[in-house]
Amino acid sequence: MVLAARENVKCVEFGLRRAQGPNGSLTASKYAFMGGFIATSNVYAGFLYNIPTAGTCAHSFIMSFESEEDITNSRTL
């Protein structure tokens, strides 16, 4: 994927949900980083292998807001 991406495009690995077990997710994160991905969403792999982490927030956090206005107003907190 890194080779197929344009030169100025950064690739971040988000495969934790699709990996086959804990060992598979750690292995995939480690080798994706070695293959040129710049970060992983797998926090444990980031901790073990010193890989930068990046990602999304929990669905439960998103659902804690009742409207789009609540999200906008929370930015000032």
N, C-alpha and C. Protein backbone atom coordinates (compact mmCIF):
# COMPACT_ATOMS: atom_id res chain seq x y z
N MET A 1 0.82 -1.18 0.00
CA MET A 1 0.00 0.00 0.00
C MET A 1 0.87 1.25 0.00
N VAL A 2 1.96 1.22 0.73
CA VAL A 2 2.86 2.37 0.76
C VAL A 2 3.42 2.63 -0.62
N LEU A 3 3.79 1.58 -1.32
CA LEU A 3 4.32 1.75 -2.68
C LEU A 3 3.26 2.27 -3.65
N ALA A 4 2.01 1.86 -3.45
CA ALA A 4 0.93 2.28 -4.34
C ALA A 4 0.47 3.71 -4.04
N ALA A 5 0.69 4.17 -2.82
CA ALA A 5 0.29 5.53 -2.44
C ALA A 5 1.22 6.54 -3.09
N ARG A 6 0.69 7.71 -3.35
CA ARG A 6 1.55 8.76 -3.88
C ARG A 6 2.63 9.11 -2.88
N GLU A 7 3.68 9.72 -3.34
CA GLU A 7 4.83 10.02 -2.49
C GLU A 7 4.47 10.89 -1.30
N ASN A 8 3.54 11.80 -1.45
CA ASN A 8 3.19 12.71 -0.36
C ASN A 8 2.04 12.19 0.51
N VAL A 9 1.61 10.94 0.31
CA VAL A 9 0.52 10.34 1.08
C VAL A 9 1.12 9.47 2.18
N LYS A 10 0.68 9.68 3.40
CA LYS A 10 1.14 8.90 4.54
C LYS A 10 0.12 7.79 4.83
N CYS A 11 0.61 6.60 5.11
CA CYS A 11 -0.27 5.47 5.41
C CYS A 11 -0.24 5.16 6.90
N VAL A 12 -1.42 4.99 7.49
CA VAL A 12 -1.56 4.62 8.90
C VAL A 12 -2.28 3.29 8.95
N GLU A 13 -1.78 2.38 9.76
CA GLU A 13 -2.32 1.02 9.86
C GLU A 13 -3.48 1.00 10.86
N PHE A 14 -4.65 0.52 10.42
CA PHE A 14 -5.84 0.42 11.26
C PHE A 14 -6.41 -1.00 11.24
N GLY A 15 -5.57 -2.01 11.22
CA GLY A 15 -6.03 -3.39 11.03
C GLY A 15 -6.37 -4.15 12.29
N LEU A 16 -6.34 -3.53 13.44
CA LEU A 16 -6.54 -4.26 14.69
C LEU A 16 -7.87 -4.99 14.74
N ARG A 17 -8.92 -4.39 14.27
CA ARG A 17 -10.24 -5.04 14.32
C ARG A 17 -10.34 -6.25 13.39
N ARG A 18 -9.52 -6.31 12.37
CA ARG A 18 -9.61 -7.39 11.40
C ARG A 18 -8.55 -8.48 11.62
N ALA A 19 -7.64 -8.26 12.55
CA ALA A 19 -6.54 -9.20 12.77
C ALA A 19 -7.05 -10.49 13.41
N GLN A 20 -6.32 -11.55 13.18
CA GLN A 20 -6.68 -12.86 13.72
C GLN A 20 -5.98 -13.08 15.06
N GLY A 21 -6.56 -12.59 16.12
CA GLY A 21 -6.03 -12.79 17.45
C GLY A 21 -5.00 -11.76 17.85
N PRO A 22 -4.65 -11.77 19.14
CA PRO A 22 -3.69 -10.78 19.65
C PRO A 22 -2.32 -10.85 18.98
N ASN A 23 -1.81 -12.04 18.77
CA ASN A 23 -0.50 -12.17 18.14
C ASN A 23 -0.55 -11.66 16.69
N GLY A 24 -1.62 -11.96 16.00
CA GLY A 24 -1.77 -11.49 14.62
C GLY A 24 -1.83 -9.98 14.53
N SER A 25 -2.51 -9.36 15.48
CA SER A 25 -2.62 -7.90 15.45
C SER A 25 -1.28 -7.23 15.74
N LEU A 26 -0.53 -7.79 16.68
CA LEU A 26 0.79 -7.23 16.98
C LEU A 26 1.74 -7.42 15.81
N THR A 27 1.70 -8.59 15.22
CA THR A 27 2.57 -8.88 14.08
C THR A 27 2.24 -7.97 12.90
N ALA A 28 0.97 -7.82 12.61
CA ALA A 28 0.56 -6.97 11.49
C ALA A 28 0.97 -5.52 11.71
N SER A 29 0.79 -5.03 12.91
CA SER A 29 1.17 -3.64 13.21
C SER A 29 2.67 -3.44 13.07
N LYS A 30 3.44 -4.38 13.60
CA LYS A 30 4.89 -4.27 13.55
C LYS A 30 5.40 -4.28 12.11
N TYR A 31 4.91 -5.22 11.31
CA TYR A 31 5.42 -5.33 9.95
C TYR A 31 4.88 -4.25 9.03
N ALA A 32 3.70 -3.73 9.31
CA ALA A 32 3.20 -2.59 8.53
C ALA A 32 4.11 -1.38 8.76
N PHE A 33 4.52 -1.19 10.01
CA PHE A 33 5.43 -0.08 10.32
C PHE A 33 6.78 -0.30 9.63
N MET A 34 7.27 -1.51 9.69
CA MET A 34 8.54 -1.81 9.03
C MET A 34 8.43 -1.62 7.52
N GLY A 35 7.22 -1.80 6.97
CA GLY A 35 7.00 -1.66 5.55
C GLY A 35 6.72 -0.24 5.09
N GLY A 36 6.74 0.72 6.01
CA GLY A 36 6.60 2.11 5.59
C GLY A 36 5.40 2.85 6.13
N PHE A 37 4.49 2.17 6.83
CA PHE A 37 3.38 2.89 7.45
C PHE A 37 3.95 3.77 8.55
N ILE A 38 3.36 4.94 8.76
CA ILE A 38 3.94 5.89 9.70
C ILE A 38 3.41 5.75 11.12
N ALA A 39 2.29 5.02 11.31
CA ALA A 39 1.70 4.88 12.64
C ALA A 39 0.74 3.69 12.65
N THR A 40 0.28 3.32 13.84
CA THR A 40 -0.69 2.25 14.01
C THR A 40 -1.79 2.71 14.97
N SER A 41 -2.95 2.12 14.85
CA SER A 41 -4.02 2.38 15.81
C SER A 41 -3.92 1.44 17.00
N ASN A 42 -3.03 0.47 16.93
CA ASN A 42 -2.86 -0.53 17.97
C ASN A 42 -1.95 0.04 19.08
N VAL A 43 -2.56 0.49 20.15
CA VAL A 43 -1.81 1.16 21.22
C VAL A 43 -0.80 0.20 21.87
N TYR A 44 -1.16 -1.06 22.02
CA TYR A 44 -0.24 -2.01 22.63
C TYR A 44 0.98 -2.24 21.74
N ALA A 45 0.78 -2.34 20.44
CA ALA A 45 1.92 -2.47 19.52
C ALA A 45 2.78 -1.21 19.57
N GLY A 46 2.15 -0.06 19.69
CA GLY A 46 2.91 1.17 19.82
C GLY A 46 3.79 1.16 21.06
N PHE A 47 3.24 0.64 22.16
CA PHE A 47 3.98 0.55 23.41
C PHE A 47 5.14 -0.46 23.29
N LEU A 48 4.84 -1.64 22.77
CA LEU A 48 5.86 -2.70 22.69
C LEU A 48 6.98 -2.38 21.72
N TYR A 49 6.62 -1.83 20.57
CA TYR A 49 7.59 -1.67 19.48
C TYR A 49 7.97 -0.21 19.22
N ASN A 50 7.52 0.69 20.08
CA ASN A 50 7.82 2.11 19.93
C ASN A 50 7.36 2.65 18.57
N ILE A 51 6.15 2.26 18.18
CA ILE A 51 5.54 2.73 16.93
C ILE A 51 4.64 3.91 17.27
N PRO A 52 4.69 4.99 16.53
CA PRO A 52 3.76 6.10 16.77
C PRO A 52 2.31 5.60 16.64
N THR A 53 1.42 6.09 17.49
CA THR A 53 0.02 5.69 17.42
C THR A 53 -0.84 6.84 16.91
N ALA A 54 -1.89 6.47 16.23
CA ALA A 54 -2.87 7.42 15.70
C ALA A 54 -4.18 6.66 15.59
N GLY A 55 -5.27 7.36 15.60
CA GLY A 55 -6.51 6.62 15.45
C GLY A 55 -7.74 7.43 15.70
N THR A 56 -8.78 6.70 15.93
CA THR A 56 -10.10 7.27 16.12
C THR A 56 -10.47 7.18 17.59
N CYS A 57 -11.55 7.82 17.95
CA CYS A 57 -12.02 7.73 19.33
C CYS A 57 -13.10 6.66 19.44
N ALA A 58 -13.43 6.31 20.65
CA ALA A 58 -14.41 5.24 20.90
C ALA A 58 -15.81 5.65 20.44
N HIS A 59 -16.55 4.69 19.94
CA HIS A 59 -17.92 4.92 19.51
C HIS A 59 -18.77 5.40 20.69
N SER A 60 -18.51 4.89 21.88
CA SER A 60 -19.26 5.31 23.06
C SER A 60 -19.09 6.81 23.33
N PHE A 61 -17.89 7.34 23.04
CA PHE A 61 -17.66 8.77 23.21
C PHE A 61 -18.52 9.57 22.22
N ILE A 62 -18.55 9.14 20.99
CA ILE A 62 -19.36 9.83 19.97
C ILE A 62 -20.83 9.80 20.35
N MET A 63 -21.30 8.65 20.83
CA MET A 63 -22.71 8.51 21.17
C MET A 63 -23.09 9.27 22.44
N SER A 64 -22.11 9.77 23.20
CA SER A 64 -22.42 10.52 24.41
C SER A 64 -22.96 11.91 24.10
N PHE A 65 -22.83 12.37 22.85
CA PHE A 65 -23.38 13.66 22.43
C PHE A 65 -24.75 13.45 21.82
N GLU A 66 -25.68 14.33 22.17
CA GLU A 66 -27.04 14.19 21.66
C GLU A 66 -27.26 14.92 20.33
N SER A 67 -26.43 15.92 20.05
CA SER A 67 -26.61 16.67 18.81
C SER A 67 -25.26 17.20 18.34
N GLU A 68 -25.24 17.66 17.11
CA GLU A 68 -24.01 18.25 16.56
C GLU A 68 -23.61 19.52 17.32
N GLU A 69 -24.60 20.25 17.82
CA GLU A 69 -24.31 21.45 18.59
C GLU A 69 -23.54 21.12 19.88
N ASP A 70 -23.83 19.98 20.49
CA ASP A 70 -23.10 19.57 21.69
C ASP A 70 -21.62 19.37 21.38
N ILE A 71 -21.31 18.86 20.23
CA ILE A 71 -19.92 18.63 19.83
C ILE A 71 -19.22 19.97 19.63
N THR A 72 -19.88 20.88 18.92
CA THR A 72 -19.30 22.20 18.67
C THR A 72 -19.04 22.93 19.97
N ASN A 73 -19.98 22.89 20.89
CA ASN A 73 -19.83 23.60 22.16
C ASN A 73 -18.76 22.97 23.04
N SER A 74 -18.50 21.69 22.89
CA SER A 74 -17.52 21.03 23.75
C SER A 74 -16.09 21.40 23.39
N ARG A 75 -15.86 21.98 22.23
CA ARG A 75 -14.50 22.35 21.81
C ARG A 75 -13.91 23.46 22.67
N THR A 76 -14.74 24.20 23.37
CA THR A 76 -14.25 25.29 24.20
C THR A 76 -13.86 24.82 25.60
N LEU A 77 -14.13 23.59 25.94
CA LEU A 77 -13.84 23.06 27.29
C LEU A 77 -12.38 22.83 27.49
